[in-house]
Amino acid sequence: MSPRSALVTGVVGGIGAAIASRLADDGASMVVCDLPGDRLTETAAALDLPTLAADLTEPTAVSDLVASIARDHGAPEILVNAASGVCG
């Protein structure tokens, strides 16, 4: 894979973490995202990747997340949405 920028959401779950790890191993410039908390902190430390906390069920969270990533890391070329949840 030629170097590309990527965003992986839902990185705390096994699938999201595995995808982020593989993309990073393949040379992608990564940013990962999940709900704030200890699990995100632990996962980020294990993956050694830039991390943003966001609740993607919040109406403005997605646009705020993309704006933050674009400002600090460049616009992502790859998006993996491994986040899941229940909206009520």
PDB file of N, CA and C in Angstrom:
ATOM      1  N   MET A   1       0.850  -1.176   0.000  1.00  0.00           N
ATOM      2  CA  MET A   1       0.000   0.000   0.000  1.00  0.00           C
ATOM      3  C   MET A   1       0.893   1.235   0.000  1.00  0.00           C
ATOM      4  N   SER A   2       0.608   2.164  -0.893  1.00  0.00           N
ATOM      5  CA  SER A   2       1.326   3.429  -0.831  1.00  0.00           C
ATOM      6  C   SER A   2       0.822   4.193   0.397  1.00  0.00           C
ATOM      7  N   PRO A   3       1.663   5.034   1.002  1.00  0.00           N
ATOM      8  CA  PRO A   3       1.246   5.733   2.220  1.00  0.00           C
ATOM      9  C   PRO A   3      -0.028   6.542   1.994  1.00  0.00           C
ATOM     10  N   ARG A   4      -0.983   6.322   2.860  1.00  0.00           N
ATOM     11  CA  ARG A   4      -2.253   7.039   2.820  1.00  0.00           C
ATOM     12  C   ARG A   4      -2.644   7.368   4.236  1.00  0.00           C
ATOM     13  N   SER A   5      -3.542   8.324   4.378  1.00  0.00           N
ATOM     14  CA  SER A   5      -4.034   8.655   5.706  1.00  0.00           C
ATOM     15  C   SER A   5      -5.346   7.914   5.942  1.00  0.00           C
ATOM     16  N   ALA A   6      -5.545   7.478   7.183  1.00  0.00           N
ATOM     17  CA  ALA A   6      -6.725   6.674   7.496  1.00  0.00           C
ATOM     18  C   ALA A   6      -7.297   7.054   8.849  1.00  0.00           C
ATOM     19  N   LEU A   7      -8.605   6.919   8.959  1.00  0.00           N
ATOM     20  CA  LEU A   7      -9.334   7.062  10.212  1.00  0.00           C
ATOM     21  C   LEU A   7     -10.070   5.760  10.457  1.00  0.00           C
ATOM     22  N   VAL A   8      -9.871   5.186  11.642  1.00  0.00           N
ATOM     23  CA  VAL A   8     -10.602   3.996  12.050  1.00  0.00           C
ATOM     24  C   VAL A   8     -11.390   4.347  13.297  1.00  0.00           C
ATOM     25  N   THR A   9     -12.716   4.222  13.226  1.00  0.00           N
ATOM     26  CA  THR A   9     -13.567   4.428  14.395  1.00  0.00           C
ATOM     27  C   THR A   9     -13.833   3.075  15.041  1.00  0.00           C
ATOM     28  N   GLY A  10     -14.246   3.097  16.290  1.00  0.00           N
ATOM     29  CA  GLY A  10     -14.538   1.850  16.987  1.00  0.00           C
ATOM     30  C   GLY A  10     -13.298   1.035  17.245  1.00  0.00           C
ATOM     31  N   VAL A  11     -12.199   1.713  17.560  1.00  0.00           N
ATOM     32  CA  VAL A  11     -10.911   1.040  17.685  1.00  0.00           C
ATOM     33  C   VAL A  11     -10.795   0.218  18.966  1.00  0.00           C
ATOM     34  N   VAL A  12     -11.658   0.442  19.931  1.00  0.00           N
ATOM     35  CA  VAL A  12     -11.594  -0.323  21.180  1.00  0.00           C
ATOM     36  C   VAL A  12     -12.019  -1.776  20.953  1.00  0.00           C
ATOM     37  N   GLY A  13     -12.922  -1.995  20.017  1.00  0.00           N
ATOM     38  CA  GLY A  13     -13.347  -3.356  19.703  1.00  0.00           C
ATOM     39  C   GLY A  13     -12.254  -4.103  18.962  1.00  0.00           C
ATOM     40  N   GLY A  14     -12.310  -5.394  19.005  1.00  0.00           N
ATOM     41  CA  GLY A  14     -11.280  -6.219  18.385  1.00  0.00           C
ATOM     42  C   GLY A  14     -11.110  -5.986  16.902  1.00  0.00           C
ATOM     43  N   ILE A  15     -12.204  -5.843  16.171  1.00  0.00           N
ATOM     44  CA  ILE A  15     -12.119  -5.662  14.723  1.00  0.00           C
ATOM     45  C   ILE A  15     -11.485  -4.317  14.389  1.00  0.00           C
ATOM     46  N   GLY A  16     -11.937  -3.250  15.053  1.00  0.00           N
ATOM     47  CA  GLY A  16     -11.376  -1.927  14.793  1.00  0.00           C
ATOM     48  C   GLY A  16      -9.894  -1.862  15.093  1.00  0.00           C
ATOM     49  N   ALA A  17      -9.482  -2.443  16.217  1.00  0.00           N
ATOM     50  CA  ALA A  17      -8.067  -2.445  16.596  1.00  0.00           C
ATOM     51  C   ALA A  17      -7.239  -3.241  15.595  1.00  0.00           C
ATOM     52  N   ALA A  18      -7.756  -4.375  15.153  1.00  0.00           N
ATOM     53  CA  ALA A  18      -7.025  -5.208  14.190  1.00  0.00           C
ATOM     54  C   ALA A  18      -6.867  -4.492  12.847  1.00  0.00           C
ATOM     55  N   ILE A  19      -7.919  -3.821  12.407  1.00  0.00           N
ATOM     56  CA  ILE A  19      -7.851  -3.092  11.137  1.00  0.00           C
ATOM     57  C   ILE A  19      -6.863  -1.934  11.246  1.00  0.00           C
ATOM     58  N   ALA A  20      -6.922  -1.191  12.351  1.00  0.00           N
ATOM     59  CA  ALA A  20      -6.002  -0.070  12.554  1.00  0.00           C
ATOM     60  C   ALA A  20      -4.561  -0.560  12.576  1.00  0.00           C
ATOM     61  N   SER A  21      -4.322  -1.646  13.273  1.00  0.00           N
ATOM     62  CA  SER A  21      -2.981  -2.203  13.352  1.00  0.00           C
ATOM     63  C   SER A  21      -2.474  -2.605  11.969  1.00  0.00           C
ATOM     64  N   ARG A  22      -3.324  -3.247  11.198  1.00  0.00           N
ATOM     65  CA  ARG A  22      -2.919  -3.692   9.852  1.00  0.00           C
ATOM     66  C   ARG A  22      -2.646  -2.511   8.929  1.00  0.00           C
ATOM     67  N   LEU A  23      -3.512  -1.507   8.957  1.00  0.00           N
ATOM     68  CA  LEU A  23      -3.292  -0.332   8.118  1.00  0.00           C
ATOM     69  C   LEU A  23      -1.988   0.372   8.496  1.00  0.00           C
ATOM     70  N   ALA A  24      -1.731   0.487   9.798  1.00  0.00           N
ATOM     71  CA  ALA A  24      -0.482   1.104  10.246  1.00  0.00           C
ATOM     72  C   ALA A  24       0.716   0.274   9.799  1.00  0.00           C
ATOM     73  N   ASP A  25       0.616  -1.045   9.925  1.00  0.00           N
ATOM     74  CA  ASP A  25       1.699  -1.929   9.472  1.00  0.00           C
ATOM     75  C   ASP A  25       1.950  -1.790   7.973  1.00  0.00           C
ATOM     76  N   ASP A  26       0.880  -1.505   7.221  1.00  0.00           N
ATOM     77  CA  ASP A  26       0.998  -1.349   5.774  1.00  0.00           C
ATOM     78  C   ASP A  26       1.438   0.060   5.371  1.00  0.00           C
ATOM     79  N   GLY A  27       1.696   0.921   6.365  1.00  0.00           N
ATOM     80  CA  GLY A  27       2.256   2.234   6.064  1.00  0.00           C
ATOM     81  C   GLY A  27       1.282   3.395   6.083  1.00  0.00           C
ATOM     82  N   ALA A  28       0.034   3.159   6.435  1.00  0.00           N
ATOM     83  CA  ALA A  28      -0.930   4.259   6.481  1.00  0.00           C
ATOM     84  C   ALA A  28      -0.625   5.179   7.658  1.00  0.00           C
ATOM     85  N   SER A  29      -0.858   6.446   7.456  1.00  0.00           N
ATOM     86  CA  SER A  29      -0.783   7.436   8.524  1.00  0.00           C
ATOM     87  C   SER A  29      -2.137   7.399   9.232  1.00  0.00           C
ATOM     88  N   MET A  30      -2.140   6.966  10.477  1.00  0.00           N
ATOM     89  CA  MET A  30      -3.380   6.613  11.157  1.00  0.00           C
ATOM     90  C   MET A  30      -3.820   7.621  12.204  1.00  0.00           C
ATOM     91  N   VAL A  31      -5.130   7.725  12.354  1.00  0.00           N
ATOM     92  CA  VAL A  31      -5.781   8.325  13.513  1.00  0.00           C
ATOM     93  C   VAL A  31      -6.901   7.365  13.878  1.00  0.00           C
ATOM     94  N   VAL A  32      -7.032   7.077  15.175  1.00  0.00           N
ATOM     95  CA  VAL A  32      -8.097   6.183  15.622  1.00  0.00           C
ATOM     96  C   VAL A  32      -9.021   6.921  16.575  1.00  0.00           C
ATOM     97  N   CYS A  33     -10.251   6.432  16.665  1.00  0.00           N
ATOM     98  CA  CYS A  33     -11.279   7.120  17.427  1.00  0.00           C
ATOM     99  C   CYS A  33     -12.199   6.114  18.107  1.00  0.00           C
ATOM    100  N   ASP A  34     -12.660   6.478  19.294  1.00  0.00           N
ATOM    101  CA  ASP A  34     -13.689   5.712  20.003  1.00  0.00           C
ATOM    102  C   ASP A  34     -14.240   6.593  21.115  1.00  0.00           C
ATOM    103  N   LEU A  35     -15.138   6.038  21.888  1.00  0.00           N
ATOM    104  CA  LEU A  35     -15.688   6.759  23.030  1.00  0.00           C
ATOM    105  C   LEU A  35     -14.578   7.077  24.026  1.00  0.00           C
ATOM    106  N   PRO A  36     -14.691   8.209  24.724  1.00  0.00           N
ATOM    107  CA  PRO A  36     -13.679   8.522  25.737  1.00  0.00           C
ATOM    108  C   PRO A  36     -13.704   7.502  26.867  1.00  0.00           C
ATOM    109  N   GLY A  37     -12.543   7.260  27.459  1.00  0.00           N
ATOM    110  CA  GLY A  37     -12.490   6.366  28.609  1.00  0.00           C
ATOM    111  C   GLY A  37     -11.202   5.581  28.680  1.00  0.00           C
ATOM    112  N   ASP A  38     -11.106   4.784  29.742  1.00  0.00           N
ATOM    113  CA  ASP A  38      -9.899   4.005  29.995  1.00  0.00           C
ATOM    114  C   ASP A  38      -9.601   3.010  28.881  1.00  0.00           C
ATOM    115  N   ARG A  39     -10.637   2.396  28.317  1.00  0.00           N
ATOM    116  CA  ARG A  39     -10.396   1.408  27.260  1.00  0.00           C
ATOM    117  C   ARG A  39      -9.751   2.051  26.042  1.00  0.00           C
ATOM    118  N   LEU A  40     -10.173   3.265  25.709  1.00  0.00           N
ATOM    119  CA  LEU A  40      -9.561   3.970  24.582  1.00  0.00           C
ATOM    120  C   LEU A  40      -8.111   4.313  24.901  1.00  0.00           C
ATOM    121  N   THR A  41      -7.854   4.777  26.093  1.00  0.00           N
ATOM    122  CA  THR A  41      -6.495   5.108  26.509  1.00  0.00           C
ATOM    123  C   THR A  41      -5.590   3.888  26.422  1.00  0.00           C
ATOM    124  N   GLU A  42      -6.071   2.747  26.919  1.00  0.00           N
ATOM    125  CA  GLU A  42      -5.288   1.514  26.880  1.00  0.00           C
ATOM    126  C   GLU A  42      -5.047   1.043  25.452  1.00  0.00           C
ATOM    127  N   THR A  43      -6.087   1.089  24.630  1.00  0.00           N
ATOM    128  CA  THR A  43      -5.958   0.650  23.238  1.00  0.00           C
ATOM    129  C   THR A  43      -4.997   1.554  22.480  1.00  0.00           C
ATOM    130  N   ALA A  44      -5.117   2.860  22.685  1.00  0.00           N
ATOM    131  CA  ALA A  44      -4.238   3.810  22.010  1.00  0.00           C
ATOM    132  C   ALA A  44      -2.786   3.565  22.388  1.00  0.00           C
ATOM    133  N   ALA A  45      -2.540   3.299  23.662  1.00  0.00           N
ATOM    134  CA  ALA A  45      -1.170   3.022  24.112  1.00  0.00           C
ATOM    135  C   ALA A  45      -0.640   1.741  23.466  1.00  0.00           C
ATOM    136  N   ALA A  46      -1.484   0.730  23.377  1.00  0.00           N
ATOM    137  CA  ALA A  46      -1.061  -0.533  22.778  1.00  0.00           C
ATOM    138  C   ALA A  46      -0.768  -0.377  21.286  1.00  0.00           C
ATOM    139  N   LEU A  47      -1.583   0.416  20.597  1.00  0.00           N
ATOM    140  CA  LEU A  47      -1.393   0.603  19.160  1.00  0.00           C
ATOM    141  C   LEU A  47      -0.343   1.665  18.841  1.00  0.00           C
ATOM    142  N   ASP A  48      -0.072   2.558  19.800  1.00  0.00           N
ATOM    143  CA  ASP A  48       0.868   3.658  19.612  1.00  0.00           C
ATOM    144  C   ASP A  48       0.483   4.507  18.402  1.00  0.00           C
ATOM    145  N   LEU A  49      -0.796   4.926  18.380  1.00  0.00           N
ATOM    146  CA  LEU A  49      -1.325   5.740  17.279  1.00  0.00           C
ATOM    147  C   LEU A  49      -2.014   6.979  17.832  1.00  0.00           C
ATOM    148  N   PRO A  50      -2.055   8.060  17.040  1.00  0.00           N
ATOM    149  CA  PRO A  50      -2.811   9.235  17.466  1.00  0.00           C
ATOM    150  C   PRO A  50      -4.283   8.871  17.672  1.00  0.00           C
ATOM    151  N   THR A  51      -4.851   9.383  18.740  1.00  0.00           N
ATOM    152  CA  THR A  51      -6.203   8.983  19.125  1.00  0.00           C
ATOM    153  C   THR A  51      -7.060  10.197  19.424  1.00  0.00           C
ATOM    154  N   LEU A  52      -8.303  10.131  19.008  1.00  0.00           N
ATOM    155  CA  LEU A  52      -9.296  11.143  19.347  1.00  0.00           C
ATOM    156  C   LEU A  52     -10.492  10.455  19.979  1.00  0.00           C
ATOM    157  N   ALA A  53     -11.012  11.065  21.014  1.00  0.00           N
ATOM    158  CA  ALA A  53     -12.212  10.542  21.664  1.00  0.00           C
ATOM    159  C   ALA A  53     -13.425  11.284  21.125  1.00  0.00           C
ATOM    160  N   ALA A  54     -14.456  10.541  20.769  1.00  0.00           N
ATOM    161  CA  ALA A  54     -15.684  11.154  20.269  1.00  0.00           C
ATOM    162  C   ALA A  54     -16.838  10.179  20.413  1.00  0.00           C
ATOM    163  N   ASP A  55     -17.992  10.721  20.753  1.00  0.00           N
ATOM    164  CA  ASP A  55     -19.236   9.943  20.780  1.00  0.00           C
ATOM    165  C   ASP A  55     -19.948  10.209  19.467  1.00  0.00           C
ATOM    166  N   LEU A  56     -19.846   9.279  18.538  1.00  0.00           N
ATOM    167  CA  LEU A  56     -20.367   9.483  17.192  1.00  0.00           C
ATOM    168  C   LEU A  56     -21.885   9.468  17.109  1.00  0.00           C
ATOM    169  N   THR A  57     -22.564   9.224  18.232  1.00  0.00           N
ATOM    170  CA  THR A  57     -24.018   9.335  18.246  1.00  0.00           C
ATOM    171  C   THR A  57     -24.455  10.786  18.464  1.00  0.00           C
ATOM    172  N   GLU A  58     -23.515  11.653  18.841  1.00  0.00           N
ATOM    173  CA  GLU A  58     -23.812  13.079  19.016  1.00  0.00           C
ATOM    174  C   GLU A  58     -23.878  13.744  17.643  1.00  0.00           C
ATOM    175  N   PRO A  59     -24.883  14.595  17.417  1.00  0.00           N
ATOM    176  CA  PRO A  59     -25.105  15.170  16.076  1.00  0.00           C
ATOM    177  C   PRO A  59     -23.901  15.883  15.458  1.00  0.00           C
ATOM    178  N   THR A  60     -23.117  16.593  16.232  1.00  0.00           N
ATOM    179  CA  THR A  60     -21.992  17.334  15.639  1.00  0.00           C
ATOM    180  C   THR A  60     -20.661  16.605  15.752  1.00  0.00           C
ATOM    181  N   ALA A  61     -20.651  15.451  16.365  1.00  0.00           N
ATOM    182  CA  ALA A  61     -19.385  14.763  16.633  1.00  0.00           C
ATOM    183  C   ALA A  61     -18.635  14.386  15.363  1.00  0.00           C
ATOM    184  N   VAL A  62     -19.332  13.928  14.360  1.00  0.00           N
ATOM    185  CA  VAL A  62     -18.660  13.478  13.131  1.00  0.00           C
ATOM    186  C   VAL A  62     -17.997  14.654  12.425  1.00  0.00           C
ATOM    187  N   SER A  63     -18.728  15.744  12.246  1.00  0.00           N
ATOM    188  CA  SER A  63     -18.132  16.894  11.560  1.00  0.00           C
ATOM    189  C   SER A  63     -16.986  17.489  12.376  1.00  0.00           C
ATOM    190  N   ASP A  64     -17.135  17.526  13.703  1.00  0.00           N
ATOM    191  CA  ASP A  64     -16.048  18.015  14.558  1.00  0.00           C
ATOM    192  C   ASP A  64     -14.823  17.109  14.457  1.00  0.00           C
ATOM    193  N   LEU A  65     -15.039  15.803  14.430  1.00  0.00           N
ATOM    194  CA  LEU A  65     -13.948  14.841  14.326  1.00  0.00           C
ATOM    195  C   LEU A  65     -13.193  15.007  13.012  1.00  0.00           C
ATOM    196  N   VAL A  66     -13.918  15.074  11.916  1.00  0.00           N
ATOM    197  CA  VAL A  66     -13.285  15.215  10.602  1.00  0.00           C
ATOM    198  C   VAL A  66     -12.522  16.539  10.509  1.00  0.00           C
ATOM    199  N   ALA A  67     -13.096  17.604  11.029  1.00  0.00           N
ATOM    200  CA  ALA A  67     -12.419  18.905  10.999  1.00  0.00           C
ATOM    201  C   ALA A  67     -11.124  18.864  11.813  1.00  0.00           C
ATOM    202  N   SER A  68     -11.162  18.226  12.971  1.00  0.00           N
ATOM    203  CA  SER A  68      -9.977  18.118  13.816  1.00  0.00           C
ATOM    204  C   SER A  68      -8.887  17.303  13.130  1.00  0.00           C
ATOM    205  N   ILE A  69      -9.262  16.203  12.529  1.00  0.00           N
ATOM    206  CA  ILE A  69      -8.283  15.355  11.836  1.00  0.00           C
ATOM    207  C   ILE A  69      -7.696  16.089  10.640  1.00  0.00           C
ATOM    208  N   ALA A  70      -8.547  16.735   9.856  1.00  0.00           N
ATOM    209  CA  ALA A  70      -8.064  17.458   8.677  1.00  0.00           C
ATOM    210  C   ALA A  70      -7.098  18.568   9.079  1.00  0.00           C
ATOM    211  N   ARG A  71      -7.396  19.256  10.162  1.00  0.00           N
ATOM    212  CA  ARG A  71      -6.544  20.345  10.634  1.00  0.00           C
ATOM    213  C   ARG A  71      -5.192  19.828  11.134  1.00  0.00           C
ATOM    214  N   ASP A  72      -5.218  18.735  11.898  1.00  0.00           N
ATOM    215  CA  ASP A  72      -4.010  18.262  12.570  1.00  0.00           C
ATOM    216  C   ASP A  72      -3.229  17.187  11.820  1.00  0.00           C
ATOM    217  N   HIS A  73      -3.895  16.451  10.933  1.00  0.00           N
ATOM    218  CA  HIS A  73      -3.248  15.302  10.287  1.00  0.00           C
ATOM    219  C   HIS A  73      -3.460  15.246   8.777  1.00  0.00           C
ATOM    220  N   GLY A  74      -4.285  16.120   8.238  1.00  0.00           N
ATOM    221  CA  GLY A  74      -4.653  16.043   6.827  1.00  0.00           C
ATOM    222  C   GLY A  74      -5.912  15.215   6.660  1.00  0.00           C
ATOM    223  N   ALA A  75      -6.623  15.463   5.586  1.00  0.00           N
ATOM    224  CA  ALA A  75      -7.889  14.774   5.344  1.00  0.00           C
ATOM    225  C   ALA A  75      -7.655  13.278   5.163  1.00  0.00           C
ATOM    226  N   PRO A  76      -8.441  12.430   5.859  1.00  0.00           N
ATOM    227  CA  PRO A  76      -8.261  10.985   5.690  1.00  0.00           C
ATOM    228  C   PRO A  76      -8.701  10.521   4.307  1.00  0.00           C
ATOM    229  N   GLU A  77      -7.895   9.641   3.728  1.00  0.00           N
ATOM    230  CA  GLU A  77      -8.229   9.048   2.437  1.00  0.00           C
ATOM    231  C   GLU A  77      -8.958   7.720   2.609  1.00  0.00           C
ATOM    232  N   ILE A  78      -8.788   7.119   3.777  1.00  0.00           N
ATOM    233  CA  ILE A  78      -9.414   5.835   4.081  1.00  0.00           C
ATOM    234  C   ILE A  78     -10.247   6.011   5.344  1.00  0.00           C
ATOM    235  N   LEU A  79     -11.480   5.539   5.313  1.00  0.00           N
ATOM    236  CA  LEU A  79     -12.346   5.556   6.489  1.00  0.00           C
ATOM    237  C   LEU A  79     -12.833   4.143   6.759  1.00  0.00           C
ATOM    238  N   VAL A  80     -12.590   3.681   7.979  1.00  0.00           N
ATOM    239  CA  VAL A  80     -13.133   2.396   8.418  1.00  0.00           C
ATOM    240  C   VAL A  80     -14.037   2.698   9.606  1.00  0.00           C
ATOM    241  N   ASN A  81     -15.323   2.477   9.447  1.00  0.00           N
ATOM    242  CA  ASN A  81     -16.280   2.730  10.511  1.00  0.00           C
ATOM    243  C   ASN A  81     -16.593   1.405  11.208  1.00  0.00           C
ATOM    244  N   ALA A  82     -15.816   1.114  12.244  1.00  0.00           N
ATOM    245  CA  ALA A  82     -16.046  -0.102  13.019  1.00  0.00           C
ATOM    246  C   ALA A  82     -16.809   0.221  14.296  1.00  0.00           C
ATOM    247  N   ALA A  83     -17.237   1.475  14.446  1.00  0.00           N
ATOM    248  CA  ALA A  83     -18.008   1.868  15.632  1.00  0.00           C
ATOM    249  C   ALA A  83     -19.402   1.273  15.543  1.00  0.00           C
ATOM    250  N   SER A  84     -19.926   0.887  16.690  1.00  0.00           N
ATOM    251  CA  SER A  84     -21.293   0.398  16.747  1.00  0.00           C
ATOM    252  C   SER A  84     -21.925   0.963  17.990  1.00  0.00           C
ATOM    253  N   GLY A  85     -23.206   0.901  18.042  1.00  0.00           N
ATOM    254  CA  GLY A  85     -23.894   1.420  19.208  1.00  0.00           C
ATOM    255  C   GLY A  85     -25.391   1.428  18.985  1.00  0.00           C
ATOM    256  N   VAL A  86     -26.071   1.792  20.020  1.00  0.00           N
ATOM    257  CA  VAL A  86     -27.530   1.853  19.959  1.00  0.00           C
ATOM    258  C   VAL A  86     -27.923   3.302  20.147  1.00  0.00           C
ATOM    259  N   CYS A  87     -28.667   3.817  19.195  1.00  0.00           N
ATOM    260  CA  CYS A  87     -29.179   5.179  19.296  1.00  0.00           C
ATOM    261  C   CYS A  87     -30.599   5.097  19.815  1.00  0.00           C
ATOM    262  N   GLY A  88     -30.928   5.933  20.765  1.00  0.00           N
ATOM    263  CA  GLY A  88     -32.254   5.827  21.348  1.00  0.00           C
ATOM    264  C   GLY A  88     -33.038   7.058  21.307  1.00  0.00           C
TER     265      GLY A  88
END
